Amino acid sequence: MPRLILFNKPHGVLCQFSADGSDKPTLADYVKVPGVYPAGRLDTDSEGLLLLTDDGRLQARIADPRFKLAKSYLVQVEGEPDAAALEALRRGVMLKDGLTRPAEAELIPAPALWPRDPPVRFRKTVPDSWIRLTIREGKNRQVRRMTAAVGHPTLRLVRWQVGDWTLEGIKPGEWRDAAP
């Protein structure tokens, strides 16, 4: 039976088990399970759900864009996206490496998340808001580039869900086994 682990990756943690020569913590500092590997990636400055498995086929099914597995993010952005910005995200955004697939995008109230360390910068003169963005591909830093392309740079990025697996009930730095 393949093993699948749901891990709440904290901000600042490298999405790999080996150190890169910096002082940044790695997955090995949190997940003491031999033989599992990330199915997909999260940037060091992103947080949230990271799936790890010991099964290569499952890893490919989760990470490969051909399978179009939905990934949902809670995204704190600068400003408040208007209907046109949200519609642009829904249609697909032109990035340097091509047009993104259409996404699901909606303005949401600020979610009840854990505090981030370090905290997101606060500016009195620039409001911020939250959107839920669901994509079905995985270009490098795609969500950040999409929100910037519509005029609302990302301040905080939390992956909340991948397929049917969610972060619900998992604190930062903690993990639990799940059914594949």
N, C-alpha and C. Protein backbone atom coordinates (compact mmCIF):
# COMPACT_ATOMS: atom_id res chain seq x y z
N MET A 1 0.85 -1.19 0.00
CA MET A 1 0.00 0.00 0.00
C MET A 1 0.89 1.24 0.00
N PRO A 2 0.70 2.16 -0.96
CA PRO A 2 1.52 3.37 -0.97
C PRO A 2 1.26 4.24 0.25
N ARG A 3 2.27 4.96 0.64
CA ARG A 3 2.13 5.88 1.77
C ARG A 3 1.97 7.29 1.21
N LEU A 4 1.03 8.04 1.79
CA LEU A 4 0.81 9.43 1.42
C LEU A 4 0.77 10.26 2.68
N ILE A 5 1.59 11.29 2.71
CA ILE A 5 1.69 12.17 3.87
C ILE A 5 1.23 13.57 3.47
N LEU A 6 0.38 14.18 4.30
CA LEU A 6 -0.03 15.57 4.13
C LEU A 6 0.79 16.39 5.12
N PHE A 7 1.57 17.33 4.62
CA PHE A 7 2.47 18.13 5.45
C PHE A 7 2.14 19.60 5.28
N ASN A 8 2.05 20.33 6.39
CA ASN A 8 1.84 21.77 6.35
C ASN A 8 3.22 22.44 6.39
N LYS A 9 3.73 22.75 5.20
CA LYS A 9 5.08 23.32 5.08
C LYS A 9 5.07 24.77 5.55
N PRO A 10 5.87 25.08 6.56
CA PRO A 10 5.96 26.47 7.01
C PRO A 10 6.72 27.34 6.01
N HIS A 11 6.51 28.63 6.11
CA HIS A 11 7.26 29.61 5.32
C HIS A 11 8.74 29.45 5.63
N GLY A 12 9.59 29.55 4.62
CA GLY A 12 11.03 29.50 4.82
C GLY A 12 11.65 28.12 4.77
N VAL A 13 10.85 27.07 4.62
CA VAL A 13 11.36 25.70 4.58
C VAL A 13 11.60 25.30 3.12
N LEU A 14 12.79 24.75 2.86
CA LEU A 14 13.10 24.26 1.52
C LEU A 14 12.28 23.01 1.24
N CYS A 15 11.81 22.90 0.02
CA CYS A 15 10.95 21.79 -0.37
C CYS A 15 11.79 20.60 -0.86
N GLN A 16 12.75 20.20 -0.03
CA GLN A 16 13.63 19.08 -0.34
C GLN A 16 14.18 18.55 0.97
N PHE A 17 14.71 17.33 0.92
CA PHE A 17 15.22 16.71 2.14
C PHE A 17 16.68 17.05 2.41
N SER A 18 17.43 17.42 1.37
CA SER A 18 18.85 17.72 1.58
C SER A 18 19.06 19.23 1.68
N ALA A 19 20.05 19.61 2.47
CA ALA A 19 20.38 21.02 2.65
C ALA A 19 21.01 21.56 1.38
N ASP A 20 20.89 22.87 1.17
CA ASP A 20 21.46 23.49 -0.02
C ASP A 20 22.65 24.38 0.31
N GLY A 21 23.16 24.26 1.53
CA GLY A 21 24.29 25.08 1.94
C GLY A 21 23.87 26.33 2.68
N SER A 22 22.58 26.65 2.65
CA SER A 22 22.09 27.81 3.41
C SER A 22 21.67 27.33 4.80
N ASP A 23 21.23 28.25 5.60
CA ASP A 23 20.77 27.89 6.95
C ASP A 23 19.29 27.53 6.97
N LYS A 24 18.66 27.46 5.81
CA LYS A 24 17.22 27.21 5.76
C LYS A 24 16.90 25.77 6.15
N PRO A 25 15.82 25.60 6.92
CA PRO A 25 15.41 24.23 7.26
C PRO A 25 14.88 23.50 6.03
N THR A 26 14.92 22.18 6.07
CA THR A 26 14.46 21.34 4.97
C THR A 26 13.34 20.42 5.47
N LEU A 27 12.79 19.64 4.56
CA LEU A 27 11.75 18.68 4.94
C LEU A 27 12.27 17.69 5.97
N ALA A 28 13.57 17.38 5.92
CA ALA A 28 14.16 16.43 6.86
C ALA A 28 14.06 16.91 8.31
N ASP A 29 13.93 18.21 8.51
CA ASP A 29 13.79 18.75 9.85
C ASP A 29 12.39 18.50 10.42
N TYR A 30 11.44 18.13 9.57
CA TYR A 30 10.06 17.96 10.00
C TYR A 30 9.50 16.56 9.78
N VAL A 31 9.86 15.94 8.67
CA VAL A 31 9.28 14.64 8.31
C VAL A 31 10.37 13.58 8.41
N LYS A 32 10.32 12.80 9.47
CA LYS A 32 11.33 11.77 9.73
C LYS A 32 10.84 10.41 9.24
N VAL A 33 10.45 10.38 7.98
CA VAL A 33 9.93 9.15 7.37
C VAL A 33 10.83 8.80 6.20
N PRO A 34 11.50 7.65 6.24
CA PRO A 34 12.38 7.30 5.13
C PRO A 34 11.59 6.92 3.87
N GLY A 35 12.17 7.24 2.72
CA GLY A 35 11.63 6.78 1.45
C GLY A 35 10.48 7.57 0.86
N VAL A 36 10.11 8.71 1.46
CA VAL A 36 9.05 9.52 0.86
C VAL A 36 9.66 10.74 0.19
N TYR A 37 8.98 11.20 -0.86
CA TYR A 37 9.46 12.34 -1.64
C TYR A 37 8.29 13.25 -1.96
N PRO A 38 8.56 14.55 -2.15
CA PRO A 38 7.46 15.47 -2.46
C PRO A 38 6.83 15.15 -3.82
N ALA A 39 5.52 15.25 -3.86
CA ALA A 39 4.77 15.14 -5.12
C ALA A 39 4.39 16.57 -5.50
N GLY A 40 5.28 17.23 -6.21
CA GLY A 40 5.12 18.65 -6.49
C GLY A 40 6.02 19.45 -5.57
N ARG A 41 5.96 20.76 -5.73
CA ARG A 41 6.84 21.63 -4.95
C ARG A 41 6.07 22.83 -4.43
N LEU A 42 6.64 23.46 -3.42
CA LEU A 42 6.19 24.76 -2.93
C LEU A 42 7.44 25.60 -2.74
N ASP A 43 7.41 26.82 -3.23
CA ASP A 43 8.55 27.71 -3.06
C ASP A 43 8.87 27.91 -1.58
N THR A 44 10.09 28.28 -1.30
CA THR A 44 10.51 28.51 0.08
C THR A 44 9.64 29.56 0.75
N ASP A 45 9.23 30.59 0.00
CA ASP A 45 8.43 31.66 0.61
C ASP A 45 6.93 31.40 0.55
N SER A 46 6.53 30.19 0.14
CA SER A 46 5.13 29.79 0.16
C SER A 46 4.93 28.80 1.31
N GLU A 47 3.68 28.66 1.74
CA GLU A 47 3.37 27.77 2.85
C GLU A 47 2.22 26.86 2.46
N GLY A 48 1.98 25.88 3.30
CA GLY A 48 0.78 25.09 3.13
C GLY A 48 1.01 23.66 2.73
N LEU A 49 -0.02 23.10 2.09
CA LEU A 49 -0.09 21.67 1.83
C LEU A 49 0.96 21.18 0.85
N LEU A 50 1.76 20.25 1.32
CA LEU A 50 2.72 19.55 0.49
C LEU A 50 2.46 18.06 0.68
N LEU A 51 2.29 17.35 -0.44
CA LEU A 51 2.06 15.92 -0.38
C LEU A 51 3.38 15.19 -0.58
N LEU A 52 3.61 14.16 0.23
CA LEU A 52 4.80 13.34 0.10
C LEU A 52 4.36 11.89 -0.01
N THR A 53 5.04 11.12 -0.85
CA THR A 53 4.68 9.72 -1.04
C THR A 53 5.91 8.89 -1.32
N ASP A 54 5.75 7.59 -1.12
CA ASP A 54 6.82 6.64 -1.45
C ASP A 54 6.51 5.90 -2.75
N ASP A 55 5.46 6.30 -3.46
CA ASP A 55 5.00 5.62 -4.66
C ASP A 55 5.19 6.51 -5.89
N GLY A 56 6.05 6.09 -6.81
CA GLY A 56 6.36 6.90 -7.99
C GLY A 56 5.15 7.17 -8.87
N ARG A 57 4.27 6.19 -9.04
CA ARG A 57 3.07 6.42 -9.87
C ARG A 57 2.14 7.44 -9.24
N LEU A 58 1.96 7.33 -7.93
CA LEU A 58 1.12 8.30 -7.22
C LEU A 58 1.74 9.69 -7.29
N GLN A 59 3.05 9.75 -7.13
CA GLN A 59 3.75 11.03 -7.21
C GLN A 59 3.52 11.67 -8.58
N ALA A 60 3.61 10.89 -9.65
CA ALA A 60 3.39 11.41 -11.00
C ALA A 60 1.94 11.86 -11.20
N ARG A 61 1.00 11.08 -10.68
CA ARG A 61 -0.42 11.43 -10.83
C ARG A 61 -0.74 12.75 -10.13
N ILE A 62 -0.09 12.99 -9.01
CA ILE A 62 -0.33 14.23 -8.25
C ILE A 62 0.37 15.41 -8.91
N ALA A 63 1.61 15.24 -9.33
CA ALA A 63 2.44 16.36 -9.78
C ALA A 63 2.34 16.66 -11.27
N ASP A 64 2.04 15.69 -12.10
CA ASP A 64 2.07 15.89 -13.55
C ASP A 64 0.88 16.71 -14.03
N PRO A 65 1.12 17.84 -14.72
CA PRO A 65 0.02 18.69 -15.20
C PRO A 65 -0.93 17.99 -16.16
N ARG A 66 -0.49 16.89 -16.78
CA ARG A 66 -1.39 16.16 -17.69
C ARG A 66 -2.64 15.66 -16.99
N PHE A 67 -2.53 15.41 -15.68
CA PHE A 67 -3.66 14.88 -14.93
C PHE A 67 -4.59 15.99 -14.41
N LYS A 68 -4.16 17.25 -14.56
CA LYS A 68 -4.97 18.43 -14.24
C LYS A 68 -5.59 18.38 -12.83
N LEU A 69 -4.83 17.90 -11.86
CA LEU A 69 -5.30 17.85 -10.49
C LEU A 69 -5.41 19.28 -9.95
N ALA A 70 -6.57 19.65 -9.44
CA ALA A 70 -6.80 21.02 -8.95
C ALA A 70 -5.97 21.29 -7.71
N LYS A 71 -5.37 22.48 -7.67
CA LYS A 71 -4.62 22.96 -6.52
C LYS A 71 -5.21 24.31 -6.13
N SER A 72 -5.70 24.42 -4.88
CA SER A 72 -6.33 25.66 -4.42
C SER A 72 -5.42 26.38 -3.43
N TYR A 73 -5.34 27.68 -3.62
CA TYR A 73 -4.46 28.54 -2.83
C TYR A 73 -5.27 29.66 -2.19
N LEU A 74 -4.90 30.03 -0.97
CA LEU A 74 -5.40 31.23 -0.32
C LEU A 74 -4.30 32.25 -0.51
N VAL A 75 -4.63 33.35 -1.18
CA VAL A 75 -3.61 34.30 -1.61
C VAL A 75 -3.93 35.69 -1.07
N GLN A 76 -3.03 36.23 -0.26
CA GLN A 76 -3.15 37.61 0.19
C GLN A 76 -2.44 38.47 -0.84
N VAL A 77 -3.15 39.46 -1.37
CA VAL A 77 -2.60 40.30 -2.42
C VAL A 77 -2.66 41.77 -2.03
N GLU A 78 -1.82 42.54 -2.68
CA GLU A 78 -1.87 44.00 -2.51
C GLU A 78 -3.11 44.52 -3.22
N GLY A 79 -3.80 45.43 -2.56
CA GLY A 79 -4.99 46.04 -3.17
C GLY A 79 -6.18 45.10 -3.11
N GLU A 80 -7.25 45.52 -3.80
CA GLU A 80 -8.44 44.68 -3.87
C GLU A 80 -8.79 44.45 -5.33
N PRO A 81 -8.62 43.23 -5.81
CA PRO A 81 -8.91 42.94 -7.21
C PRO A 81 -10.37 43.25 -7.54
N ASP A 82 -10.58 43.94 -8.65
CA ASP A 82 -11.93 44.22 -9.10
C ASP A 82 -12.42 43.08 -9.98
N ALA A 83 -13.64 43.22 -10.49
CA ALA A 83 -14.24 42.16 -11.31
C ALA A 83 -13.39 41.85 -12.54
N ALA A 84 -12.78 42.89 -13.14
CA ALA A 84 -11.96 42.68 -14.35
C ALA A 84 -10.71 41.86 -14.03
N ALA A 85 -10.07 42.13 -12.89
CA ALA A 85 -8.87 41.37 -12.50
C ALA A 85 -9.23 39.91 -12.23
N LEU A 86 -10.33 39.68 -11.53
CA LEU A 86 -10.75 38.30 -11.25
C LEU A 86 -11.12 37.58 -12.54
N GLU A 87 -11.79 38.27 -13.45
CA GLU A 87 -12.16 37.66 -14.72
C GLU A 87 -10.92 37.31 -15.54
N ALA A 88 -9.90 38.17 -15.49
CA ALA A 88 -8.64 37.88 -16.20
C ALA A 88 -8.02 36.59 -15.65
N LEU A 89 -8.02 36.42 -14.34
CA LEU A 89 -7.49 35.19 -13.74
C LEU A 89 -8.32 33.98 -14.19
N ARG A 90 -9.63 34.16 -14.28
CA ARG A 90 -10.52 33.06 -14.68
C ARG A 90 -10.31 32.67 -16.15
N ARG A 91 -10.00 33.63 -17.00
CA ARG A 91 -9.80 33.35 -18.43
C ARG A 91 -8.43 32.74 -18.70
N GLY A 92 -7.45 33.12 -17.89
CA GLY A 92 -6.06 32.74 -18.13
C GLY A 92 -5.26 34.00 -18.35
N VAL A 93 -4.05 34.02 -17.85
CA VAL A 93 -3.20 35.20 -17.87
C VAL A 93 -1.98 34.93 -18.75
N MET A 94 -1.62 35.90 -19.58
CA MET A 94 -0.43 35.76 -20.42
C MET A 94 0.80 36.05 -19.57
N LEU A 95 1.67 35.04 -19.45
CA LEU A 95 2.94 35.18 -18.76
C LEU A 95 4.05 35.06 -19.79
N LYS A 96 5.28 35.30 -19.41
CA LYS A 96 6.40 35.21 -20.35
C LYS A 96 6.51 33.84 -20.99
N ASP A 97 6.11 32.79 -20.26
CA ASP A 97 6.19 31.43 -20.81
C ASP A 97 4.86 30.93 -21.35
N GLY A 98 3.95 31.84 -21.64
CA GLY A 98 2.69 31.47 -22.28
C GLY A 98 1.46 31.75 -21.45
N LEU A 99 0.33 31.47 -22.04
CA LEU A 99 -0.98 31.69 -21.41
C LEU A 99 -1.26 30.59 -20.39
N THR A 100 -1.69 31.00 -19.20
CA THR A 100 -2.07 30.00 -18.20
C THR A 100 -3.43 29.42 -18.56
N ARG A 101 -3.70 28.25 -18.06
CA ARG A 101 -5.03 27.68 -18.21
C ARG A 101 -6.01 28.51 -17.40
N PRO A 102 -7.28 28.48 -17.75
CA PRO A 102 -8.27 29.20 -16.93
C PRO A 102 -8.22 28.71 -15.48
N ALA A 103 -8.46 29.63 -14.56
CA ALA A 103 -8.42 29.33 -13.13
C ALA A 103 -9.77 29.68 -12.51
N GLU A 104 -10.00 29.16 -11.34
CA GLU A 104 -11.13 29.60 -10.54
C GLU A 104 -10.58 30.68 -9.61
N ALA A 105 -11.27 31.82 -9.55
CA ALA A 105 -10.78 32.93 -8.72
C ALA A 105 -11.95 33.64 -8.07
N GLU A 106 -11.85 33.84 -6.76
CA GLU A 106 -12.90 34.57 -6.06
C GLU A 106 -12.29 35.35 -4.89
N LEU A 107 -12.85 36.53 -4.65
CA LEU A 107 -12.48 37.34 -3.50
C LEU A 107 -13.10 36.68 -2.27
N ILE A 108 -12.32 36.52 -1.19
CA ILE A 108 -12.82 35.88 0.02
C ILE A 108 -12.48 36.75 1.23
N PRO A 109 -13.22 36.56 2.34
CA PRO A 109 -12.82 37.24 3.58
C PRO A 109 -11.47 36.70 4.05
N ALA A 110 -10.77 37.48 4.85
CA ALA A 110 -9.48 37.02 5.38
C ALA A 110 -9.68 35.71 6.13
N PRO A 111 -8.96 34.64 5.73
CA PRO A 111 -9.12 33.35 6.41
C PRO A 111 -8.47 33.35 7.79
N ALA A 112 -8.94 32.46 8.64
CA ALA A 112 -8.38 32.32 9.99
C ALA A 112 -7.17 31.39 9.90
N LEU A 113 -6.02 31.97 9.57
CA LEU A 113 -4.78 31.21 9.44
C LEU A 113 -3.87 31.50 10.62
N TRP A 114 -2.87 30.67 10.78
CA TRP A 114 -1.83 30.86 11.77
C TRP A 114 -1.01 32.10 11.41
N PRO A 115 -0.37 32.73 12.39
CA PRO A 115 0.51 33.86 12.06
C PRO A 115 1.72 33.37 11.26
N ARG A 116 2.19 34.19 10.34
CA ARG A 116 3.35 33.80 9.57
C ARG A 116 4.60 34.36 10.22
N ASP A 117 5.69 33.60 10.17
CA ASP A 117 6.97 34.04 10.71
C ASP A 117 8.00 33.98 9.58
N PRO A 118 8.50 35.11 9.11
CA PRO A 118 8.23 36.47 9.55
C PRO A 118 6.87 36.94 9.04
N PRO A 119 6.29 37.95 9.73
CA PRO A 119 4.97 38.44 9.30
C PRO A 119 5.05 39.11 7.93
N VAL A 120 3.90 39.14 7.26
CA VAL A 120 3.79 39.84 5.98
C VAL A 120 3.94 41.33 6.26
N ARG A 121 4.65 42.01 5.38
CA ARG A 121 4.84 43.45 5.59
C ARG A 121 3.49 44.16 5.57
N PHE A 122 3.36 45.14 6.42
CA PHE A 122 2.11 45.91 6.53
C PHE A 122 2.38 47.33 6.09
N ARG A 123 1.52 47.86 5.21
CA ARG A 123 1.64 49.25 4.78
C ARG A 123 0.29 49.93 4.96
N LYS A 124 0.28 51.00 5.75
CA LYS A 124 -0.96 51.72 6.03
C LYS A 124 -1.63 52.23 4.78
N THR A 125 -0.84 52.64 3.80
CA THR A 125 -1.40 53.28 2.61
C THR A 125 -1.81 52.31 1.52
N VAL A 126 -1.47 51.03 1.66
CA VAL A 126 -1.81 50.05 0.63
C VAL A 126 -2.66 48.95 1.26
N PRO A 127 -3.96 48.90 0.92
CA PRO A 127 -4.79 47.84 1.49
C PRO A 127 -4.42 46.48 0.90
N ASP A 128 -4.86 45.44 1.56
CA ASP A 128 -4.66 44.10 1.01
C ASP A 128 -5.97 43.35 1.08
N SER A 129 -6.05 42.26 0.36
CA SER A 129 -7.25 41.42 0.37
C SER A 129 -6.84 39.99 0.08
N TRP A 130 -7.81 39.09 0.13
CA TRP A 130 -7.56 37.67 -0.06
C TRP A 130 -8.38 37.14 -1.22
N ILE A 131 -7.79 36.27 -1.99
CA ILE A 131 -8.52 35.55 -3.02
C ILE A 131 -8.25 34.06 -2.87
N ARG A 132 -9.21 33.27 -3.31
CA ARG A 132 -9.01 31.83 -3.43
C ARG A 132 -8.79 31.59 -4.92
N LEU A 133 -7.66 30.98 -5.25
CA LEU A 133 -7.30 30.74 -6.64
C LEU A 133 -7.06 29.24 -6.81
N THR A 134 -7.74 28.65 -7.78
CA THR A 134 -7.58 27.22 -8.05
C THR A 134 -7.06 27.06 -9.47
N ILE A 135 -5.92 26.37 -9.59
CA ILE A 135 -5.29 26.16 -10.89
C ILE A 135 -5.15 24.67 -11.15
N ARG A 136 -4.92 24.33 -12.41
CA ARG A 136 -4.78 22.92 -12.79
C ARG A 136 -3.51 22.69 -13.60
N GLU A 137 -2.51 23.48 -13.30
CA GLU A 137 -1.19 23.32 -13.91
C GLU A 137 -0.19 23.77 -12.88
N GLY A 138 1.08 23.81 -13.22
CA GLY A 138 2.07 24.15 -12.20
C GLY A 138 3.30 24.82 -12.77
N LYS A 139 3.11 25.93 -13.46
CA LYS A 139 4.27 26.68 -13.95
C LYS A 139 5.03 27.24 -12.75
N ASN A 140 6.31 27.48 -12.93
CA ASN A 140 7.15 28.01 -11.85
C ASN A 140 6.58 29.32 -11.31
N ARG A 141 6.34 29.37 -10.01
CA ARG A 141 5.83 30.54 -9.30
C ARG A 141 4.57 31.11 -9.97
N GLN A 142 3.75 30.22 -10.49
CA GLN A 142 2.61 30.61 -11.31
C GLN A 142 1.62 31.53 -10.60
N VAL A 143 1.20 31.19 -9.41
CA VAL A 143 0.20 32.01 -8.72
C VAL A 143 0.74 33.42 -8.49
N ARG A 144 1.97 33.52 -8.05
CA ARG A 144 2.57 34.85 -7.82
C ARG A 144 2.64 35.65 -9.12
N ARG A 145 3.02 34.99 -10.20
CA ARG A 145 3.11 35.70 -11.48
C ARG A 145 1.74 36.08 -12.01
N MET A 146 0.73 35.23 -11.78
CA MET A 146 -0.63 35.55 -12.24
C MET A 146 -1.19 36.77 -11.51
N THR A 147 -1.05 36.80 -10.18
CA THR A 147 -1.62 37.93 -9.44
C THR A 147 -0.87 39.22 -9.79
N ALA A 148 0.43 39.13 -9.98
CA ALA A 148 1.20 40.33 -10.38
C ALA A 148 0.76 40.81 -11.76
N ALA A 149 0.48 39.87 -12.67
CA ALA A 149 0.09 40.24 -14.03
C ALA A 149 -1.24 40.99 -14.07
N VAL A 150 -2.10 40.77 -13.08
CA VAL A 150 -3.38 41.50 -13.04
C VAL A 150 -3.31 42.69 -12.08
N GLY A 151 -2.08 43.05 -11.66
CA GLY A 151 -1.88 44.27 -10.87
C GLY A 151 -2.00 44.12 -9.37
N HIS A 152 -1.95 42.88 -8.87
CA HIS A 152 -2.09 42.65 -7.43
C HIS A 152 -1.04 41.66 -6.94
N PRO A 153 0.17 42.15 -6.66
CA PRO A 153 1.25 41.26 -6.23
C PRO A 153 0.88 40.45 -4.98
N THR A 154 1.36 39.23 -4.94
CA THR A 154 1.11 38.33 -3.81
C THR A 154 1.95 38.73 -2.62
N LEU A 155 1.31 38.81 -1.46
CA LEU A 155 1.99 39.07 -0.20
C LEU A 155 2.20 37.78 0.60
N ARG A 156 1.20 36.91 0.55
CA ARG A 156 1.26 35.63 1.27
C ARG A 156 0.55 34.59 0.43
N LEU A 157 1.14 33.40 0.37
CA LEU A 157 0.60 32.33 -0.46
C LEU A 157 0.54 31.03 0.35
N VAL A 158 -0.67 30.51 0.51
CA VAL A 158 -0.88 29.29 1.28
C VAL A 158 -1.63 28.29 0.40
N ARG A 159 -0.98 27.17 0.07
CA ARG A 159 -1.69 26.13 -0.68
C ARG A 159 -2.58 25.40 0.32
N TRP A 160 -3.89 25.40 0.05
CA TRP A 160 -4.85 24.84 0.98
C TRP A 160 -5.30 23.44 0.58
N GLN A 161 -5.36 23.18 -0.73
CA GLN A 161 -5.92 21.91 -1.17
C GLN A 161 -5.25 21.43 -2.45
N VAL A 162 -5.07 20.12 -2.55
CA VAL A 162 -4.60 19.46 -3.77
C VAL A 162 -5.56 18.30 -4.01
N GLY A 163 -6.31 18.34 -5.12
CA GLY A 163 -7.32 17.32 -5.36
C GLY A 163 -8.30 17.32 -4.20
N ASP A 164 -8.51 16.15 -3.59
CA ASP A 164 -9.43 16.03 -2.45
C ASP A 164 -8.72 16.19 -1.11
N TRP A 165 -7.40 16.32 -1.11
CA TRP A 165 -6.65 16.43 0.14
C TRP A 165 -6.56 17.89 0.57
N THR A 166 -6.83 18.16 1.85
CA THR A 166 -6.77 19.54 2.34
C THR A 166 -5.85 19.65 3.55
N LEU A 167 -5.60 20.88 3.90
CA LEU A 167 -4.75 21.22 5.03
C LEU A 167 -5.53 21.25 6.34
N GLU A 168 -6.83 21.08 6.26
CA GLU A 168 -7.71 21.19 7.42
C GLU A 168 -7.17 20.40 8.61
N GLY A 169 -6.99 21.10 9.74
CA GLY A 169 -6.58 20.46 10.98
C GLY A 169 -5.10 20.15 11.12
N ILE A 170 -4.28 20.58 10.17
CA ILE A 170 -2.84 20.32 10.25
C ILE A 170 -2.11 21.64 10.51
N LYS A 171 -1.44 21.74 11.63
CA LYS A 171 -0.73 22.96 12.00
C LYS A 171 0.59 23.07 11.23
N PRO A 172 1.13 24.28 11.09
CA PRO A 172 2.41 24.43 10.39
C PRO A 172 3.49 23.56 11.04
N GLY A 173 4.25 22.85 10.17
CA GLY A 173 5.32 21.98 10.64
C GLY A 173 4.84 20.59 11.03
N GLU A 174 3.52 20.35 10.99
CA GLU A 174 2.98 19.04 11.34
C GLU A 174 2.56 18.29 10.08
N TRP A 175 2.42 16.97 10.22
CA TRP A 175 1.99 16.13 9.10
C TRP A 175 1.14 15.00 9.63
N ARG A 176 0.41 14.38 8.69
CA ARG A 176 -0.37 13.20 9.03
C ARG A 176 -0.47 12.31 7.80
N ASP A 177 -0.67 11.02 8.04
CA ASP A 177 -0.88 10.08 6.96
C ASP A 177 -2.29 10.26 6.40
N ALA A 178 -2.43 9.99 5.10
CA ALA A 178 -3.73 10.07 4.45
C ALA A 178 -3.89 8.87 3.52
N ALA A 179 -5.11 8.64 3.12
CA ALA A 179 -5.37 7.56 2.16
C ALA A 179 -5.04 8.07 0.75
N PRO A 180 -4.25 7.30 0.01
CA PRO A 180 -3.90 7.74 -1.36
C PRO A 180 -5.11 7.74 -2.29
